[in-house]
Amino acid sequence: MPERVAIIGAGVSGLTCGVLFAEGRYDAKIFAEEIGGHTTSGAAAAIWYPYDAGPADKVIEWSLQTFYVLRDLCRDAQSGVSMIELRNFSRTGQLEIPDWAHSLGARPSEDGFALDVPLTDTTIYLDYLALRFRKAGGEISAGLHFDRIEDVGCNYSFIINCTGVGAQTLVPDPEVEPHRGQVVLVEKLVLNHAVVCDDPPLMYAIPRANDCVFGGSNEISSDRHPNPGLTSSIVAECSRVLNISPPKIVGERVGLRPFRRSGICLRKDGRVIHNYGHGGSGFTLSWGCAQAVLALASAG
């Protein structure tokens, strides 16, 4: 009989772990309070780029592993993954190319650098992962809330904790804090590249198949209600950088980045394997971290 594995959380981290375990012949089940577009992952711009997570050495290692998996997924038209030129600039001066970016073909651009990176359209990719998980025999149970990890039950060889901000109370882990990110969805733009600026105010414009994601914000807050004033300032700044008239707004989303002050928690504690604290790099770290989780389980 295959070993039974319970995964708590159905964001990109939980779904990616689910795919690896189910395709690795485990009997895997995902338990989640929210799924799909209602998760923090559903509100993400989801372009590959290490952001708001630590420690730096492990983040880069896991990010690069994820880069190559996502790049390969571009060949699957159903995945919602594509390659796009990312232009990263600074408002305060020339932005140096990070060491890790050289191996990916980064090149200097105006006030920064550019490189080709994977873009995951969350409106497609999360459903792709869920379908892939189910096709491998996995099951997803939604609408469930656990106050303790042990409430999942004792009939599992491993419990994988991918609860993001929820780990703050579930573990409990006081080092976890919600970094609130608000985005504005605008009508589809004729834009063949993405633009990111980490200088305050945080700004990014990410074109997708049916719309464009304008962002953003990064503040410690658990408020998931869109702020109308922030929406206006996000649209104004993105339009200024792109040198366009403010486009039509089609939606607003707020997600809580699961930041952890001492860095990502990826460790085995008895039969529980923790995988949370990815900050603003959930998609960027997803496959690298999931592979590390699977390795811990395989080691017994």
C-alpha atoms as a PDB file:
ATOM      1  CA  MET A   1       0.000   0.000   0.000  1.00  0.00           C
ATOM      2  CA  PRO A   2       1.322   3.499  -0.827  1.00  0.00           C
ATOM      3  CA  GLU A   3       2.146   5.812   2.052  1.00  0.00           C
ATOM      4  CA  ARG A   4      -0.615   8.298   2.867  1.00  0.00           C
ATOM      5  CA  VAL A   5       0.235  11.990   2.886  1.00  0.00           C
ATOM      6  CA  ALA A   6      -1.928  14.914   4.010  1.00  0.00           C
ATOM      7  CA  ILE A   7      -1.153  18.390   2.687  1.00  0.00           C
ATOM      8  CA  ILE A   8      -2.652  21.414   4.441  1.00  0.00           C
ATOM      9  CA  GLY A   9      -3.101  24.363   2.082  1.00  0.00           C
ATOM     10  CA  ALA A  10      -4.090  24.616  -1.586  1.00  0.00           C
ATOM     11  CA  GLY A  11      -2.067  27.611  -2.673  1.00  0.00           C
ATOM     12  CA  VAL A  12       0.763  27.148  -5.138  1.00  0.00           C
ATOM     13  CA  SER A  13       3.006  25.545  -2.475  1.00  0.00           C
ATOM     14  CA  GLY A  14       0.397  22.995  -1.409  1.00  0.00           C
ATOM     15  CA  LEU A  15      -0.663  22.144  -4.967  1.00  0.00           C
ATOM     16  CA  THR A  16       2.922  21.746  -6.168  1.00  0.00           C
ATOM     17  CA  CYS A  17       3.751  19.465  -3.248  1.00  0.00           C
ATOM     18  CA  GLY A  18       0.565  17.557  -3.998  1.00  0.00           C
ATOM     19  CA  VAL A  19       1.575  16.996  -7.624  1.00  0.00           C
ATOM     20  CA  LEU A  20       5.038  15.719  -6.699  1.00  0.00           C
ATOM     21  CA  PHE A  21       3.742  13.364  -4.020  1.00  0.00           C
ATOM     22  CA  ALA A  22       0.803  12.037  -6.062  1.00  0.00           C
ATOM     23  CA  GLU A  23       2.951  11.495  -9.140  1.00  0.00           C
ATOM     24  CA  GLY A  24       5.547   9.919  -6.863  1.00  0.00           C
ATOM     25  CA  ARG A  25       3.096   7.119  -5.984  1.00  0.00           C
ATOM     26  CA  TYR A  26       2.014   8.495  -2.628  1.00  0.00           C
ATOM     27  CA  ASP A  27      -1.643   8.440  -1.591  1.00  0.00           C
ATOM     28  CA  ALA A  28      -1.987  12.215  -1.281  1.00  0.00           C
ATOM     29  CA  LYS A  29      -4.853  14.380  -0.079  1.00  0.00           C
ATOM     30  CA  ILE A  30      -5.028  18.165   0.173  1.00  0.00           C
ATOM     31  CA  PHE A  31      -7.062  19.857   2.912  1.00  0.00           C
ATOM     32  CA  ALA A  32      -7.718  23.577   2.534  1.00  0.00           C
ATOM     33  CA  GLU A  33      -9.922  26.382   3.748  1.00  0.00           C
ATOM     34  CA  GLU A  34      -9.765  28.152   0.366  1.00  0.00           C
ATOM     35  CA  ILE A  35      -8.891  26.953  -3.126  1.00  0.00           C
ATOM     36  CA  GLY A  36      -8.147  28.423  -6.546  1.00  0.00           C
ATOM     37  CA  GLY A  37      -8.601  32.141  -7.034  1.00  0.00           C
ATOM     38  CA  HIS A  38      -9.642  32.656  -3.407  1.00  0.00           C
ATOM     39  CA  THR A  39      -6.159  31.808  -2.104  1.00  0.00           C
ATOM     40  CA  THR A  40      -3.287  34.253  -1.698  1.00  0.00           C
ATOM     41  CA  SER A  41      -1.730  32.555  -4.734  1.00  0.00           C
ATOM     42  CA  GLY A  42      -4.793  33.514  -6.748  1.00  0.00           C
ATOM     43  CA  ALA A  43      -4.065  37.192  -6.114  1.00  0.00           C
ATOM     44  CA  ALA A  44      -0.393  36.969  -7.098  1.00  0.00           C
ATOM     45  CA  ALA A  45       1.116  38.489 -10.218  1.00  0.00           C
ATOM     46  CA  ALA A  46       3.075  35.211 -10.309  1.00  0.00           C
ATOM     47  CA  ILE A  47       6.030  36.259 -12.398  1.00  0.00           C
ATOM     48  CA  TRP A  48       9.265  34.427 -11.568  1.00  0.00           C
ATOM     49  CA  TYR A  49      11.423  36.712  -9.455  1.00  0.00           C
ATOM     50  CA  PRO A  50      12.914  36.244  -5.954  1.00  0.00           C
ATOM     51  CA  TYR A  51      11.232  38.830  -3.719  1.00  0.00           C
ATOM     52  CA  ASP A  52      10.536  39.392  -0.022  1.00  0.00           C
ATOM     53  CA  ALA A  53      11.884  36.071   1.249  1.00  0.00           C
ATOM     54  CA  GLY A  54      15.004  34.676   2.900  1.00  0.00           C
ATOM     55  CA  PRO A  55      17.561  33.341   3.552  1.00  0.00           C
ATOM     56  CA  ALA A  56      19.136  34.548   0.321  1.00  0.00           C
ATOM     57  CA  ASP A  57      21.266  31.471  -0.411  1.00  0.00           C
ATOM     58  CA  LYS A  58      18.401  28.987  -0.118  1.00  0.00           C
ATOM     59  CA  VAL A  59      15.965  31.312  -1.884  1.00  0.00           C
ATOM     60  CA  ILE A  60      18.243  31.538  -4.920  1.00  0.00           C
ATOM     61  CA  GLU A  61      18.888  27.769  -4.932  1.00  0.00           C
ATOM     62  CA  TRP A  62      15.192  26.877  -4.791  1.00  0.00           C
ATOM     63  CA  SER A  63      14.244  29.693  -7.171  1.00  0.00           C
ATOM     64  CA  LEU A  64      16.650  28.499  -9.851  1.00  0.00           C
ATOM     65  CA  GLN A  65      15.349  24.937  -9.536  1.00  0.00           C
ATOM     66  CA  THR A  66      11.823  26.275 -10.024  1.00  0.00           C
ATOM     67  CA  PHE A  67      12.910  28.411 -12.978  1.00  0.00           C
ATOM     68  CA  TYR A  68      13.898  25.399 -15.041  1.00  0.00           C
ATOM     69  CA  VAL A  69      10.753  23.424 -14.199  1.00  0.00           C
ATOM     70  CA  LEU A  70       8.518  26.341 -15.158  1.00  0.00           C
ATOM     71  CA  ARG A  71      10.506  26.961 -18.326  1.00  0.00           C
ATOM     72  CA  ASP A  72       9.877  23.359 -19.353  1.00  0.00           C
ATOM     73  CA  LEU A  73       6.159  23.738 -18.589  1.00  0.00           C
ATOM     74  CA  CYS A  74       5.973  26.429 -21.280  1.00  0.00           C
ATOM     75  CA  ARG A  75       5.850  23.554 -23.768  1.00  0.00           C
ATOM     76  CA  ASP A  76       2.483  22.483 -22.299  1.00  0.00           C
ATOM     77  CA  ALA A  77      -0.180  24.784 -23.742  1.00  0.00           C
ATOM     78  CA  GLN A  78      -2.568  23.838 -20.912  1.00  0.00           C
ATOM     79  CA  SER A  79      -0.282  24.993 -18.104  1.00  0.00           C
ATOM     80  CA  GLY A  80      -0.704  28.743 -18.425  1.00  0.00           C
ATOM     81  CA  VAL A  81       3.071  29.211 -18.209  1.00  0.00           C
ATOM     82  CA  SER A  82       4.945  31.322 -20.742  1.00  0.00           C
ATOM     83  CA  MET A  83       8.259  33.132 -20.991  1.00  0.00           C
ATOM     84  CA  ILE A  84       8.304  36.918 -20.895  1.00  0.00           C
ATOM     85  CA  GLU A  85      10.940  39.626 -20.802  1.00  0.00           C
ATOM     86  CA  LEU A  86      11.123  41.160 -17.340  1.00  0.00           C
ATOM     87  CA  ARG A  87      12.549  44.659 -17.117  1.00  0.00           C
ATOM     88  CA  ASN A  88      13.642  45.570 -13.598  1.00  0.00           C
ATOM     89  CA  PHE A  89      14.579  49.201 -13.012  1.00  0.00           C
ATOM     90  CA  SER A  90      15.369  51.646 -10.232  1.00  0.00           C
ATOM     91  CA  ARG A  91      14.024  55.177  -9.835  1.00  0.00           C
ATOM     92  CA  THR A  92      17.122  56.220  -7.881  1.00  0.00           C
ATOM     93  CA  GLY A  93      19.933  55.115 -10.175  1.00  0.00           C
ATOM     94  CA  GLN A  94      21.331  52.237 -12.176  1.00  0.00           C
ATOM     95  CA  LEU A  95      20.288  48.835 -10.831  1.00  0.00           C
ATOM     96  CA  GLU A  96      23.116  46.306 -10.827  1.00  0.00           C
ATOM     97  CA  ILE A  97      22.577  42.826 -12.256  1.00  0.00           C
ATOM     98  CA  PRO A  98      22.525  40.280  -9.384  1.00  0.00           C
ATOM     99  CA  ASP A  99      25.048  37.441  -9.564  1.00  0.00           C
ATOM    100  CA  TRP A 100      22.308  34.796  -9.927  1.00  0.00           C
ATOM    101  CA  ALA A 101      20.809  36.592 -12.931  1.00  0.00           C
ATOM    102  CA  HIS A 102      23.934  36.375 -15.087  1.00  0.00           C
ATOM    103  CA  SER A 103      23.504  32.627 -15.598  1.00  0.00           C
ATOM    104  CA  LEU A 104      19.956  33.264 -16.851  1.00  0.00           C
ATOM    105  CA  GLY A 105      21.106  35.651 -19.569  1.00  0.00           C
ATOM    106  CA  ALA A 106      20.391  38.964 -17.835  1.00  0.00           C
ATOM    107  CA  ARG A 107      21.429  42.033 -19.805  1.00  0.00           C
ATOM    108  CA  PRO A 108      21.702  45.735 -18.936  1.00  0.00           C
ATOM    109  CA  SER A 109      18.741  47.962 -19.739  1.00  0.00           C
ATOM    110  CA  GLU A 110      17.796  51.546 -18.995  1.00  0.00           C
ATOM    111  CA  ASP A 111      18.270  52.113 -15.236  1.00  0.00           C
ATOM    112  CA  GLY A 112      18.387  48.361 -14.594  1.00  0.00           C
ATOM    113  CA  PHE A 113      18.467  44.991 -16.267  1.00  0.00           C
ATOM    114  CA  ALA A 114      16.278  42.641 -18.277  1.00  0.00           C
ATOM    115  CA  LEU A 115      15.970  38.870 -18.441  1.00  0.00           C
ATOM    116  CA  ASP A 116      13.498  36.321 -19.779  1.00  0.00           C
ATOM    117  CA  VAL A 117      11.550  34.621 -16.992  1.00  0.00           C
ATOM    118  CA  PRO A 118       8.521  32.332 -16.604  1.00  0.00           C
ATOM    119  CA  LEU A 119       5.136  33.956 -16.090  1.00  0.00           C
ATOM    120  CA  THR A 120       2.381  31.811 -14.596  1.00  0.00           C
ATOM    121  CA  ASP A 121      -1.139  33.001 -15.354  1.00  0.00           C
ATOM    122  CA  THR A 122      -2.847  32.178 -12.062  1.00  0.00           C
ATOM    123  CA  THR A 123      -6.280  32.019 -13.708  1.00  0.00           C
ATOM    124  CA  ILE A 124      -4.977  28.979 -15.613  1.00  0.00           C
ATOM    125  CA  TYR A 125      -2.022  27.575 -13.691  1.00  0.00           C
ATOM    126  CA  LEU A 126      -3.683  26.858 -10.340  1.00  0.00           C
ATOM    127  CA  ASP A 127      -6.425  24.873 -12.078  1.00  0.00           C
ATOM    128  CA  TYR A 128      -3.737  23.099 -14.120  1.00  0.00           C
ATOM    129  CA  LEU A 129      -1.952  21.984 -10.948  1.00  0.00           C
ATOM    130  CA  ALA A 130      -5.206  20.868  -9.318  1.00  0.00           C
ATOM    131  CA  LEU A 131      -6.177  18.845 -12.403  1.00  0.00           C
ATOM    132  CA  ARG A 132      -2.725  17.294 -12.628  1.00  0.00           C
ATOM    133  CA  PHE A 133      -2.922  16.377  -8.942  1.00  0.00           C
ATOM    134  CA  ARG A 134      -6.326  14.738  -9.343  1.00  0.00           C
ATOM    135  CA  LYS A 135      -5.246  12.859 -12.474  1.00  0.00           C
ATOM    136  CA  ALA A 136      -2.433  11.344 -10.402  1.00  0.00           C
ATOM    137  CA  GLY A 137      -5.005  10.094  -7.889  1.00  0.00           C
ATOM    138  CA  GLY A 138      -4.965  12.976  -5.424  1.00  0.00           C
ATOM    139  CA  GLU A 139      -8.026  14.338  -3.643  1.00  0.00           C
ATOM    140  CA  ILE A 140      -8.815  17.911  -2.563  1.00  0.00           C
ATOM    141  CA  SER A 141     -11.145  18.742   0.326  1.00  0.00           C
ATOM    142  CA  ALA A 142     -12.036  22.438   0.590  1.00  0.00           C
ATOM    143  CA  GLY A 143     -13.793  24.564   3.197  1.00  0.00           C
ATOM    144  CA  LEU A 144     -11.864  23.011   6.082  1.00  0.00           C
ATOM    145  CA  HIS A 145     -10.183  24.890   8.908  1.00  0.00           C
ATOM    146  CA  PHE A 146      -7.809  23.289  11.413  1.00  0.00           C
ATOM    147  CA  ASP A 147      -6.893  24.855  14.726  1.00  0.00           C
ATOM    148  CA  ARG A 148      -4.024  22.390  15.227  1.00  0.00           C
ATOM    149  CA  ILE A 149      -1.968  20.372  12.762  1.00  0.00           C
ATOM    150  CA  GLU A 150      -2.873  17.229  14.707  1.00  0.00           C
ATOM    151  CA  ASP A 151      -6.546  17.759  13.831  1.00  0.00           C
ATOM    152  CA  VAL A 152      -5.814  16.401  10.348  1.00  0.00           C
ATOM    153  CA  GLY A 153      -5.763  12.919  11.860  1.00  0.00           C
ATOM    154  CA  CYS A 154      -3.317  10.148  12.644  1.00  0.00           C
ATOM    155  CA  ASN A 155      -3.772   8.014   9.532  1.00  0.00           C
ATOM    156  CA  TYR A 156      -0.995   9.690   7.563  1.00  0.00           C
ATOM    157  CA  SER A 157       2.698   8.938   7.301  1.00  0.00           C
ATOM    158  CA  PHE A 158       3.392  12.618   6.747  1.00  0.00           C
ATOM    159  CA  ILE A 159       1.545  15.907   7.118  1.00  0.00           C
ATOM    160  CA  ILE A 160       2.860  18.685   4.878  1.00  0.00           C
ATOM    161  CA  ASN A 161       2.205  22.156   6.283  1.00  0.00           C
ATOM    162  CA  CYS A 162       1.765  24.618   3.391  1.00  0.00           C
ATOM    163  CA  THR A 163      -0.532  27.047   5.196  1.00  0.00           C
ATOM    164  CA  GLY A 164       1.317  30.290   4.456  1.00  0.00           C
ATOM    165  CA  VAL A 165       0.141  33.064   6.763  1.00  0.00           C
ATOM    166  CA  GLY A 166      -2.051  30.494   8.505  1.00  0.00           C
ATOM    167  CA  ALA A 167       1.078  28.965  10.050  1.00  0.00           C
ATOM    168  CA  GLN A 168       1.146  31.949  12.393  1.00  0.00           C
ATOM    169  CA  THR A 169      -1.678  30.396  14.429  1.00  0.00           C
ATOM    170  CA  LEU A 170      -1.626  26.770  13.268  1.00  0.00           C
ATOM    171  CA  VAL A 171       1.947  25.893  14.313  1.00  0.00           C
ATOM    172  CA  PRO A 172       1.895  28.454  16.036  1.00  0.00           C
ATOM    173  CA  ASP A 173       4.790  30.522  14.642  1.00  0.00           C
ATOM    174  CA  PRO A 174       5.024  34.138  15.856  1.00  0.00           C
ATOM    175  CA  GLU A 175       7.708  34.895  13.257  1.00  0.00           C
ATOM    176  CA  VAL A 176       5.138  34.760  10.447  1.00  0.00           C
ATOM    177  CA  GLU A 177       3.653  38.092   9.452  1.00  0.00           C
ATOM    178  CA  PRO A 178       1.239  39.028   6.664  1.00  0.00           C
ATOM    179  CA  HIS A 179       2.720  41.326   4.031  1.00  0.00           C
ATOM    180  CA  ARG A 180      -0.345  42.776   2.370  1.00  0.00           C
ATOM    181  CA  GLY A 181      -0.191  43.104  -1.400  1.00  0.00           C
ATOM    182  CA  GLN A 182      -2.900  44.839  -3.421  1.00  0.00           C
ATOM    183  CA  VAL A 183      -3.137  44.540  -7.191  1.00  0.00           C
ATOM    184  CA  VAL A 184      -5.413  46.081  -9.781  1.00  0.00           C
ATOM    185  CA  LEU A 185      -6.549  44.109 -12.803  1.00  0.00           C
ATOM    186  CA  VAL A 186      -6.886  46.294 -15.883  1.00  0.00           C
ATOM    187  CA  GLU A 187      -7.964  45.570 -19.431  1.00  0.00           C
ATOM    188  CA  LYS A 188      -5.544  43.686 -21.664  1.00  0.00           C
ATOM    189  CA  LEU A 189      -2.708  45.912 -22.868  1.00  0.00           C
ATOM    190  CA  VAL A 190      -0.501  45.680 -25.928  1.00  0.00           C
ATOM    191  CA  LEU A 191       2.598  45.040 -23.841  1.00  0.00           C
ATOM    192  CA  ASN A 192       5.234  42.469 -24.765  1.00  0.00           C
ATOM    193  CA  HIS A 193       7.227  42.691 -21.538  1.00  0.00           C
ATOM    194  CA  ALA A 194       6.748  42.999 -17.788  1.00  0.00           C
ATOM    195  CA  VAL A 195       8.046  45.896 -15.707  1.00  0.00           C
ATOM    196  CA  VAL A 196       9.081  45.790 -12.036  1.00  0.00           C
ATOM    197  CA  CYS A 197      10.509  48.408  -9.684  1.00  0.00           C
ATOM    198  CA  ASP A 198      11.315  47.477  -6.078  1.00  0.00           C
ATOM    199  CA  ASP A 199      11.899  51.085  -4.996  1.00  0.00           C
ATOM    200  CA  PRO A 200       9.088  52.545  -2.908  1.00  0.00           C
ATOM    201  CA  PRO A 201       6.420  52.723  -4.045  1.00  0.00           C
ATOM    202  CA  LEU A 202       6.575  49.108  -5.263  1.00  0.00           C
ATOM    203  CA  MET A 203       5.456  49.022  -8.890  1.00  0.00           C
ATOM    204  CA  TYR A 204       4.866  46.250 -11.396  1.00  0.00           C
ATOM    205  CA  ALA A 205       2.924  45.739 -14.593  1.00  0.00           C
ATOM    206  CA  ILE A 206       2.443  42.121 -15.678  1.00  0.00           C
ATOM    207  CA  PRO A 207       0.578  41.411 -18.939  1.00  0.00           C
ATOM    208  CA  ARG A 208      -1.492  38.223 -19.048  1.00  0.00           C
ATOM    209  CA  ALA A 209      -3.634  36.452 -21.615  1.00  0.00           C
ATOM    210  CA  ASN A 210      -6.870  38.290 -20.787  1.00  0.00           C
ATOM    211  CA  ASP A 211      -5.834  41.240 -18.618  1.00  0.00           C
ATOM    212  CA  CYS A 212      -2.863  43.022 -17.069  1.00  0.00           C
ATOM    213  CA  VAL A 213      -1.870  43.034 -13.400  1.00  0.00           C
ATOM    214  CA  PHE A 214      -0.888  46.413 -11.943  1.00  0.00           C
ATOM    215  CA  GLY A 215       0.751  46.521  -8.533  1.00  0.00           C
ATOM    216  CA  GLY A 216       1.475  46.981  -5.883  1.00  0.00           C
ATOM    217  CA  SER A 217       1.934  47.349  -2.176  1.00  0.00           C
ATOM    218  CA  ASN A 218       3.799  45.675   0.655  1.00  0.00           C
ATOM    219  CA  GLU A 219       2.725  46.483   4.200  1.00  0.00           C
ATOM    220  CA  ILE A 220       2.222  44.485   7.386  1.00  0.00           C
ATOM    221  CA  SER A 221      -1.545  44.043   7.537  1.00  0.00           C
ATOM    222  CA  SER A 222      -4.192  41.303   7.492  1.00  0.00           C
ATOM    223  CA  ASP A 223      -6.793  43.494   5.769  1.00  0.00           C
ATOM    224  CA  ARG A 224      -7.938  41.730   2.599  1.00  0.00           C
ATOM    225  CA  HIS A 225     -10.304  44.484   1.475  1.00  0.00           C
ATOM    226  CA  PRO A 226      -9.128  46.609  -1.482  1.00  0.00           C
ATOM    227  CA  ASN A 227      -8.236  50.200  -0.627  1.00  0.00           C
ATOM    228  CA  PRO A 228      -9.791  52.547  -3.245  1.00  0.00           C
ATOM    229  CA  GLY A 229      -7.147  55.220  -2.688  1.00  0.00           C
ATOM    230  CA  LEU A 230      -4.372  52.682  -3.177  1.00  0.00           C
ATOM    231  CA  THR A 231      -6.081  51.417  -6.331  1.00  0.00           C
ATOM    232  CA  SER A 232      -5.962  54.921  -7.781  1.00  0.00           C
ATOM    233  CA  SER A 233      -2.293  55.445  -6.905  1.00  0.00           C
ATOM    234  CA  ILE A 234      -1.301  52.031  -8.314  1.00  0.00           C
ATOM    235  CA  VAL A 235      -3.019  52.724 -11.625  1.00  0.00           C
ATOM    236  CA  ALA A 236      -1.543  56.225 -11.787  1.00  0.00           C
ATOM    237  CA  GLU A 237       2.040  55.091 -11.141  1.00  0.00           C
ATOM    238  CA  CYS A 238       1.908  52.113 -13.508  1.00  0.00           C
ATOM    239  CA  SER A 239       0.386  54.278 -16.237  1.00  0.00           C
ATOM    240  CA  ARG A 240       3.100  56.901 -15.696  1.00  0.00           C
ATOM    241  CA  VAL A 241       5.911  54.347 -15.980  1.00  0.00           C
ATOM    242  CA  LEU A 242       4.357  52.757 -19.079  1.00  0.00           C
ATOM    243  CA  ASN A 243       3.605  56.202 -20.532  1.00  0.00           C
ATOM    244  CA  ILE A 244      -0.031  55.344 -21.270  1.00  0.00           C
ATOM    245  CA  SER A 245      -3.443  56.715 -20.361  1.00  0.00           C
ATOM    246  CA  PRO A 246      -4.965  54.995 -17.304  1.00  0.00           C
ATOM    247  CA  PRO A 247      -6.646  51.835 -18.616  1.00  0.00           C
ATOM    248  CA  LYS A 248     -10.047  50.493 -17.641  1.00  0.00           C
ATOM    249  CA  ILE A 249     -10.113  48.710 -14.289  1.00  0.00           C
ATOM    250  CA  VAL A 250     -11.683  45.251 -14.372  1.00  0.00           C
ATOM    251  CA  GLY A 251     -10.944  44.072 -10.845  1.00  0.00           C
ATOM    252  CA  GLU A 252      -9.010  44.417  -7.590  1.00  0.00           C
ATOM    253  CA  ARG A 253      -7.363  41.720  -5.487  1.00  0.00           C
ATOM    254  CA  VAL A 254      -5.587  41.607  -2.153  1.00  0.00           C
ATOM    255  CA  GLY A 255      -3.260  38.818  -1.045  1.00  0.00           C
ATOM    256  CA  LEU A 256      -1.279  38.312   2.149  1.00  0.00           C
ATOM    257  CA  ARG A 257       2.313  37.357   1.403  1.00  0.00           C
ATOM    258  CA  PRO A 258       3.410  34.808   4.039  1.00  0.00           C
ATOM    259  CA  PHE A 259       6.651  36.429   5.173  1.00  0.00           C
ATOM    260  CA  ARG A 260       8.723  34.872   7.956  1.00  0.00           C
ATOM    261  CA  ARG A 261      11.244  37.088   9.739  1.00  0.00           C
ATOM    262  CA  SER A 262      13.968  34.446  10.115  1.00  0.00           C
ATOM    263  CA  GLY A 263      13.405  32.995   6.651  1.00  0.00           C
ATOM    264  CA  ILE A 264      11.492  30.160   5.035  1.00  0.00           C
ATOM    265  CA  CYS A 265      10.566  27.282   7.314  1.00  0.00           C
ATOM    266  CA  LEU A 266      11.286  24.051   5.454  1.00  0.00           C
ATOM    267  CA  ARG A 267      12.059  21.318   7.944  1.00  0.00           C
ATOM    268  CA  LYS A 268      10.868  17.956   9.234  1.00  0.00           C
ATOM    269  CA  ASP A 269       9.409  17.755  12.741  1.00  0.00           C
ATOM    270  CA  GLY A 270       8.419  14.162  13.393  1.00  0.00           C
ATOM    271  CA  ARG A 271       5.812  13.257  10.806  1.00  0.00           C
ATOM    272  CA  VAL A 272       5.144  16.933  10.016  1.00  0.00           C
ATOM    273  CA  ILE A 273       7.111  18.636   7.236  1.00  0.00           C
ATOM    274  CA  HIS A 274       6.807  22.414   7.263  1.00  0.00           C
ATOM    275  CA  ASN A 275       6.928  24.406   4.027  1.00  0.00           C
ATOM    276  CA  TYR A 276       5.882  28.014   4.616  1.00  0.00           C
ATOM    277  CA  GLY A 277       7.207  31.555   4.904  1.00  0.00           C
ATOM    278  CA  HIS A 278       7.810  32.134   1.184  1.00  0.00           C
ATOM    279  CA  GLY A 279       6.933  35.839   1.308  1.00  0.00           C
ATOM    280  CA  GLY A 280       6.463  37.273  -2.169  1.00  0.00           C
ATOM    281  CA  SER A 281       8.187  34.330  -3.855  1.00  0.00           C
ATOM    282  CA  GLY A 282       5.602  31.557  -3.602  1.00  0.00           C
ATOM    283  CA  PHE A 283       5.493  30.768  -7.313  1.00  0.00           C
ATOM    284  CA  THR A 284       9.209  31.469  -7.708  1.00  0.00           C
ATOM    285  CA  LEU A 285      10.111  28.934  -4.999  1.00  0.00           C
ATOM    286  CA  SER A 286       7.315  26.417  -5.521  1.00  0.00           C
ATOM    287  CA  TRP A 287       9.021  23.532  -7.323  1.00  0.00           C
ATOM    288  CA  GLY A 288      12.382  23.860  -5.586  1.00  0.00           C
ATOM    289  CA  CYS A 289      10.765  23.801  -2.154  1.00  0.00           C
ATOM    290  CA  ALA A 290       8.388  20.981  -3.102  1.00  0.00           C
ATOM    291  CA  GLN A 291      11.341  18.887  -4.264  1.00  0.00           C
ATOM    292  CA  ALA A 292      13.061  19.544  -0.915  1.00  0.00           C
ATOM    293  CA  VAL A 293       9.892  18.486   0.940  1.00  0.00           C
ATOM    294  CA  LEU A 294       9.677  15.263  -1.077  1.00  0.00           C
ATOM    295  CA  ALA A 295      13.336  14.544  -0.340  1.00  0.00           C
ATOM    296  CA  LEU A 296      12.698  14.886   3.402  1.00  0.00           C
ATOM    297  CA  ALA A 297       9.773  12.480   3.191  1.00  0.00           C
ATOM    298  CA  SER A 298      11.727   9.993   1.062  1.00  0.00           C
ATOM    299  CA  ALA A 299      14.540  10.011   3.620  1.00  0.00           C
ATOM    300  CA  GLY A 300      12.074   8.560   6.141  1.00  0.00           C
END
